[in-house]
Amino acid sequence: MKRKYLAVYIGTPNSADKKWAPLSEADKKQRTQDGIRLWGEWAQKYAQNIKDQGAPLGKTKLVNENGISDTKNALTGYTLIEAESHEEAAKMFLDHPHFKIFPGDSVEIVECLPIPTGP
């Protein structure tokens, strides 16, 4: 039985500084075009597993007992997938353009557990 997994794309300013900042504008443009193409190829390859292509993530609000405040994190995007196992889900992201082409750091694969029901 397939399970759902949330793939969370991680990117830090440090990674962008190391991987992206040294590039010329022409190289950044070319890399962006290559990355978009390769990301599309990745999505086609795993189309049967992708349940929500997701989207880039923007600014973050933190809500807690003290109210609402602005905050920062390293989350840059997400994709919702299905796979037979956690390992199978993770293997889909080996060599992903997020960190091979773009200045992303990694992709975290989180298992989506079923909502507990009463007794």
C-alpha atoms as a PDB file:
ATOM      1  CA  MET A   1       0.000   0.000   0.000  1.00  0.00           C
ATOM      2  CA  LYS A   2       1.363   3.375  -0.961  1.00  0.00           C
ATOM      3  CA  ARG A   3       1.912   5.973   1.744  1.00  0.00           C
ATOM      4  CA  LYS A   4       2.049   9.743   1.478  1.00  0.00           C
ATOM      5  CA  TYR A   5       5.250  11.701   1.979  1.00  0.00           C
ATOM      6  CA  LEU A   6       5.929  15.391   2.138  1.00  0.00           C
ATOM      7  CA  ALA A   7       9.142  16.412   0.407  1.00  0.00           C
ATOM      8  CA  VAL A   8      10.387  19.701   1.836  1.00  0.00           C
ATOM      9  CA  TYR A   9      13.045  21.581  -0.091  1.00  0.00           C
ATOM     10  CA  ILE A  10      15.689  23.185   2.151  1.00  0.00           C
ATOM     11  CA  GLY A  11      17.894  26.116   1.213  1.00  0.00           C
ATOM     12  CA  THR A  12      20.004  28.376   3.377  1.00  0.00           C
ATOM     13  CA  PRO A  13      21.519  31.758   2.560  1.00  0.00           C
ATOM     14  CA  ASN A  14      24.933  30.149   3.078  1.00  0.00           C
ATOM     15  CA  SER A  15      24.269  27.662   0.287  1.00  0.00           C
ATOM     16  CA  ALA A  16      23.084  30.384  -2.062  1.00  0.00           C
ATOM     17  CA  ASP A  17      26.174  32.447  -1.235  1.00  0.00           C
ATOM     18  CA  LYS A  18      28.470  29.519  -2.019  1.00  0.00           C
ATOM     19  CA  LYS A  19      26.681  28.045  -5.042  1.00  0.00           C
ATOM     20  CA  TRP A  20      24.909  30.975  -6.703  1.00  0.00           C
ATOM     21  CA  ALA A  21      26.568  34.277  -5.792  1.00  0.00           C
ATOM     22  CA  PRO A  22      29.898  33.535  -7.551  1.00  0.00           C
ATOM     23  CA  LEU A  23      28.133  32.913 -10.892  1.00  0.00           C
ATOM     24  CA  SER A  24      27.867  35.567 -13.584  1.00  0.00           C
ATOM     25  CA  GLU A  25      24.399  36.769 -14.535  1.00  0.00           C
ATOM     26  CA  ALA A  26      24.654  34.808 -17.797  1.00  0.00           C
ATOM     27  CA  ASP A  27      25.604  31.644 -15.903  1.00  0.00           C
ATOM     28  CA  LYS A  28      22.725  32.146 -13.446  1.00  0.00           C
ATOM     29  CA  LYS A  29      20.302  32.558 -16.345  1.00  0.00           C
ATOM     30  CA  GLN A  30      21.608  29.428 -18.087  1.00  0.00           C
ATOM     31  CA  ARG A  31      21.561  27.432 -14.868  1.00  0.00           C
ATOM     32  CA  THR A  32      17.997  28.561 -14.157  1.00  0.00           C
ATOM     33  CA  GLN A  33      16.883  27.429 -17.627  1.00  0.00           C
ATOM     34  CA  ASP A  34      18.692  24.091 -17.209  1.00  0.00           C
ATOM     35  CA  GLY A  35      17.232  23.635 -13.735  1.00  0.00           C
ATOM     36  CA  ILE A  36      13.665  24.308 -14.851  1.00  0.00           C
ATOM     37  CA  ARG A  37      14.061  21.828 -17.708  1.00  0.00           C
ATOM     38  CA  LEU A  38      15.574  19.144 -15.457  1.00  0.00           C
ATOM     39  CA  TRP A  39      12.950  19.722 -12.756  1.00  0.00           C
ATOM     40  CA  GLY A  40      10.269  19.183 -15.407  1.00  0.00           C
ATOM     41  CA  GLU A  41      11.964  15.968 -16.521  1.00  0.00           C
ATOM     42  CA  TRP A  42      12.115  14.816 -12.887  1.00  0.00           C
ATOM     43  CA  ALA A  43       8.388  15.577 -12.493  1.00  0.00           C
ATOM     44  CA  GLN A  44       7.560  13.602 -15.646  1.00  0.00           C
ATOM     45  CA  LYS A  45       9.624  10.649 -14.473  1.00  0.00           C
ATOM     46  CA  TYR A  46       7.718  10.513 -11.166  1.00  0.00           C
ATOM     47  CA  ALA A  47       4.332  11.760 -12.396  1.00  0.00           C
ATOM     48  CA  GLN A  48       2.585   8.634 -11.092  1.00  0.00           C
ATOM     49  CA  ASN A  49       3.991   9.322  -7.594  1.00  0.00           C
ATOM     50  CA  ILE A  50       3.428  13.080  -7.420  1.00  0.00           C
ATOM     51  CA  LYS A  51       0.087  13.906  -5.803  1.00  0.00           C
ATOM     52  CA  ASP A  52       0.686  17.655  -5.480  1.00  0.00           C
ATOM     53  CA  GLN A  53       3.544  19.280  -7.393  1.00  0.00           C
ATOM     54  CA  GLY A  54       3.686  21.833  -4.616  1.00  0.00           C
ATOM     55  CA  ALA A  55       5.170  25.288  -4.916  1.00  0.00           C
ATOM     56  CA  PRO A  56       7.951  27.546  -3.737  1.00  0.00           C
ATOM     57  CA  LEU A  57       7.474  28.861  -0.198  1.00  0.00           C
ATOM     58  CA  GLY A  58       7.668  32.509   0.809  1.00  0.00           C
ATOM     59  CA  LYS A  59       7.727  34.531   3.999  1.00  0.00           C
ATOM     60  CA  THR A  60       6.749  32.800   7.234  1.00  0.00           C
ATOM     61  CA  LYS A  61       4.531  33.741  10.167  1.00  0.00           C
ATOM     62  CA  LEU A  62       4.941  32.057  13.538  1.00  0.00           C
ATOM     63  CA  VAL A  63       1.831  31.515  15.639  1.00  0.00           C
ATOM     64  CA  ASN A  64       2.091  30.471  19.286  1.00  0.00           C
ATOM     65  CA  GLU A  65       0.659  31.317  22.699  1.00  0.00           C
ATOM     66  CA  ASN A  66       2.256  34.768  22.440  1.00  0.00           C
ATOM     67  CA  GLY A  67       0.428  35.595  19.214  1.00  0.00           C
ATOM     68  CA  ILE A  68       1.720  36.083  15.671  1.00  0.00           C
ATOM     69  CA  SER A  69       5.203  37.150  14.643  1.00  0.00           C
ATOM     70  CA  ASP A  70       7.462  37.112  11.611  1.00  0.00           C
ATOM     71  CA  THR A  71      10.065  34.355  11.536  1.00  0.00           C
ATOM     72  CA  LYS A  72      12.553  32.753   9.157  1.00  0.00           C
ATOM     73  CA  ASN A  73      13.351  29.165   8.293  1.00  0.00           C
ATOM     74  CA  ALA A  74      15.180  27.242   5.589  1.00  0.00           C
ATOM     75  CA  LEU A  75      12.040  25.877   3.886  1.00  0.00           C
ATOM     76  CA  THR A  76      11.970  26.834   0.206  1.00  0.00           C
ATOM     77  CA  GLY A  77       9.269  24.583  -1.282  1.00  0.00           C
ATOM     78  CA  TYR A  78       7.360  21.323  -1.061  1.00  0.00           C
ATOM     79  CA  THR A  79       5.987  18.399  -3.079  1.00  0.00           C
ATOM     80  CA  LEU A  80       3.516  15.743  -1.908  1.00  0.00           C
ATOM     81  CA  ILE A  81       4.252  12.242  -3.195  1.00  0.00           C
ATOM     82  CA  GLU A  82       3.165   8.644  -2.719  1.00  0.00           C
ATOM     83  CA  ALA A  83       5.504   5.660  -2.533  1.00  0.00           C
ATOM     84  CA  GLU A  84       5.600   2.088  -1.264  1.00  0.00           C
ATOM     85  CA  SER A  85       8.189   2.969   1.408  1.00  0.00           C
ATOM     86  CA  HIS A  86      10.042   5.858   2.976  1.00  0.00           C
ATOM     87  CA  GLU A  87      13.250   4.652   1.319  1.00  0.00           C
ATOM     88  CA  GLU A  88      11.569   4.520  -2.102  1.00  0.00           C
ATOM     89  CA  ALA A  89      10.263   8.042  -1.581  1.00  0.00           C
ATOM     90  CA  ALA A  90      13.706   9.316  -0.610  1.00  0.00           C
ATOM     91  CA  LYS A  91      15.372   7.674  -3.624  1.00  0.00           C
ATOM     92  CA  MET A  92      13.180   9.760  -5.945  1.00  0.00           C
ATOM     93  CA  PHE A  93      15.131  12.824  -4.846  1.00  0.00           C
ATOM     94  CA  LEU A  94      18.680  11.557  -5.374  1.00  0.00           C
ATOM     95  CA  ASP A  95      20.388  13.984  -7.758  1.00  0.00           C
ATOM     96  CA  HIS A  96      17.348  16.312  -7.723  1.00  0.00           C
ATOM     97  CA  PRO A  97      17.878  19.677  -9.486  1.00  0.00           C
ATOM     98  CA  HIS A  98      17.035  21.506  -6.233  1.00  0.00           C
ATOM     99  CA  PHE A  99      20.569  20.905  -4.985  1.00  0.00           C
ATOM    100  CA  LYS A 100      22.375  19.694  -8.125  1.00  0.00           C
ATOM    101  CA  ILE A 101      21.559  22.729 -10.300  1.00  0.00           C
ATOM    102  CA  PHE A 102      19.935  25.301  -8.022  1.00  0.00           C
ATOM    103  CA  PRO A 103      21.556  26.511  -4.797  1.00  0.00           C
ATOM    104  CA  GLY A 104      19.373  24.379  -2.531  1.00  0.00           C
ATOM    105  CA  ASP A 105      20.910  22.390   0.318  1.00  0.00           C
ATOM    106  CA  SER A 106      18.757  19.273   0.501  1.00  0.00           C
ATOM    107  CA  VAL A 107      15.315  17.710   0.379  1.00  0.00           C
ATOM    108  CA  GLU A 108      13.763  16.270   3.538  1.00  0.00           C
ATOM    109  CA  ILE A 109      11.241  13.468   3.073  1.00  0.00           C
ATOM    110  CA  VAL A 110       8.654  13.333   5.858  1.00  0.00           C
ATOM    111  CA  GLU A 111       6.142  10.512   6.198  1.00  0.00           C
ATOM    112  CA  CYS A 112       2.538  11.724   6.452  1.00  0.00           C
ATOM    113  CA  LEU A 113       0.982   9.577   9.163  1.00  0.00           C
ATOM    114  CA  PRO A 114      -2.720   8.737   9.290  1.00  0.00           C
ATOM    115  CA  ILE A 115      -4.832  10.818  11.626  1.00  0.00           C
ATOM    116  CA  PRO A 116      -5.462   8.802  14.803  1.00  0.00           C
ATOM    117  CA  THR A 117      -9.034   7.760  15.396  1.00  0.00           C
ATOM    118  CA  GLY A 118     -10.790   6.992  18.647  1.00  0.00           C
ATOM    119  CA  PRO A 119     -10.921   3.544  20.267  1.00  0.00           C
END
